[in-house]
Structures are given as structure tokens and as C-alpha cells.
Amino acid sequence: MTMNVRRSILVVTVLLCACCCCARPAGAQGQSAYDFNGDGLGDILWRNTTTGDVSMWFLDGTNIVSATDFYSGLNLNWQIVGTGAFNNDGDTDILLR
């Protein structure tokens, strides 16, 4: 599956999740939808725009399987600008700028 098709599918997952079944973390904005745990399904990376905290929802479609506080207090000068397999180790990477 190409990146564009995959992102389109994952954006639909984000919209369904945000509208139907679950509340986003307080103060958070969705930063990326990507498969972070390797199960072939889209997950959501959240960033609290006030505190810099980063959290993640692991999904199986529109249901949250688990959630984790990924990083606490990321400097607000840093922005999450993308996700992908940047170093070819098989894991999803987070690109900061």
C-alpha cells in the first residue's frame, strides 16, 4: 500500500475515533495517524499543546486497545512534523523540528 493511500485510510480512522467513540485527551491535538505497534492498524499520536506531553492510542479500527503517555513535557519549541520509517529499522519513527 502506498503512503498516500495508507494516510487516507488512517485519516478516516482518526475522524471516526474523534467523532464517534472516544474523547481526545484534554488540550491535545492529533499529530499523526500511523501504525506504531506493528499490528497493521492505524494508531494515533497526540500532543498536548499546553504542556508538550505526547501520548499514543493503539487502535484496532475505531476502538482504543491501549493508551500510553509516551513523553512528558516535550519543549513547546519542538513540533512533531511527521512520522514514518526513516531509518529502515522496521519501527515507526517520529520526526521533530
Protein backbone atom coordinates (compact mmCIF):
# COMPACT_ATOMS: atom_id res chain seq x y z
CA MET A 1 0.00 0.00 0.00
CA THR A 2 1.40 3.39 -0.86
CA MET A 3 1.89 6.09 1.76
CA ASN A 4 -0.88 8.29 0.28
CA VAL A 5 -3.48 5.53 0.37
CA ARG A 6 -2.38 4.47 3.84
CA ARG A 7 -2.60 8.03 5.17
CA SER A 8 -6.09 8.44 3.66
CA ILE A 9 -7.29 5.30 5.43
CA LEU A 10 -5.74 6.42 8.70
CA VAL A 11 -7.25 9.90 8.45
CA VAL A 12 -10.67 8.25 8.22
CA THR A 13 -9.80 6.26 11.36
CA VAL A 14 -8.88 9.48 13.18
CA LEU A 15 -12.12 11.16 12.12
CA LEU A 16 -14.24 8.18 13.17
CA CYS A 17 -12.49 7.97 16.50
CA ALA A 18 -12.75 11.68 17.17
CA CYS A 19 -16.43 11.84 16.26
CA CYS A 20 -17.94 8.59 17.46
CA CYS A 21 -16.37 6.52 20.14
CA CYS A 22 -13.82 8.27 22.27
CA ALA A 23 -12.79 11.64 23.63
CA ARG A 24 -9.39 13.04 22.80
CA PRO A 25 -7.04 13.82 25.67
CA ALA A 26 -7.64 17.26 27.21
CA GLY A 27 -5.70 20.00 25.44
CA ALA A 28 -4.38 17.60 22.82
CA GLN A 29 -4.22 17.80 19.06
CA GLY A 30 -3.90 14.76 16.83
CA GLN A 31 -0.36 14.81 15.44
CA SER A 32 -0.24 11.69 13.35
CA ALA A 33 -2.05 8.53 12.45
CA TYR A 34 0.32 5.68 11.72
CA ASP A 35 0.91 2.07 12.74
CA PHE A 36 3.11 2.50 15.80
CA ASN A 37 2.84 -1.02 17.27
CA GLY A 38 3.23 -3.08 14.10
CA ASP A 39 -0.24 -4.68 14.08
CA GLY A 40 -1.08 -3.30 10.63
CA LEU A 41 -3.72 -0.92 12.00
CA GLY A 42 -3.56 2.85 12.45
CA ASP A 43 -2.76 4.32 15.86
CA ILE A 44 -2.98 7.97 16.94
CA LEU A 45 -0.20 10.17 18.30
CA TRP A 46 -1.48 13.07 20.44
CA ARG A 47 0.36 16.21 21.58
CA ASN A 48 -0.85 18.46 24.37
CA THR A 49 -0.29 21.97 23.05
CA THR A 50 -0.08 23.48 26.54
CA THR A 51 2.20 21.04 28.38
CA GLY A 52 4.06 19.40 25.48
CA ASP A 53 3.05 15.94 26.71
CA VAL A 54 2.84 13.31 23.99
CA SER A 55 0.54 10.31 24.27
CA MET A 56 -0.49 7.49 21.99
CA TRP A 57 -3.64 5.48 21.38
CA PHE A 58 -3.20 1.97 19.99
CA LEU A 59 -6.33 1.14 17.97
CA ASP A 60 -7.95 -1.87 16.36
CA GLY A 61 -10.06 0.12 13.95
CA THR A 62 -12.06 2.67 15.97
CA ASN A 63 -11.55 1.03 19.39
CA ILE A 64 -8.76 2.00 21.76
CA VAL A 65 -6.89 -1.18 22.70
CA SER A 66 -4.46 0.65 24.98
CA ALA A 67 -3.13 4.13 25.60
CA THR A 68 0.17 5.38 26.92
CA ASP A 69 1.78 8.62 27.97
CA PHE A 70 4.65 8.49 25.54
CA TYR A 71 6.71 11.53 26.56
CA SER A 72 6.24 14.18 29.24
CA GLY A 73 6.99 17.87 28.74
CA LEU A 74 8.37 17.97 25.21
CA ASN A 75 9.66 21.52 24.75
CA LEU A 76 6.94 23.59 23.05
CA ASN A 77 9.53 24.97 20.61
CA TRP A 78 9.75 21.47 19.10
CA GLN A 79 6.95 20.42 16.75
CA ILE A 80 6.00 16.94 15.58
CA VAL A 81 6.17 17.29 11.81
CA GLY A 82 5.86 13.71 10.64
CA THR A 83 6.03 10.00 11.20
CA GLY A 84 7.40 7.21 9.08
CA ALA A 85 10.11 4.60 8.76
CA PHE A 86 13.03 6.99 8.43
CA ASN A 87 15.93 4.72 9.42
CA ASN A 88 14.67 1.42 7.97
CA ASP A 89 14.72 -0.49 11.27
CA GLY A 90 11.09 -1.61 10.88
CA ASP A 91 9.77 0.69 13.61
CA THR A 92 7.77 3.87 13.14
CA ASP A 93 9.81 6.98 13.85
CA ILE A 94 8.64 10.45 14.93
CA LEU A 95 10.17 13.46 13.20
CA LEU A 96 10.59 16.62 15.29
CA ARG A 97 11.56 20.06 14.05
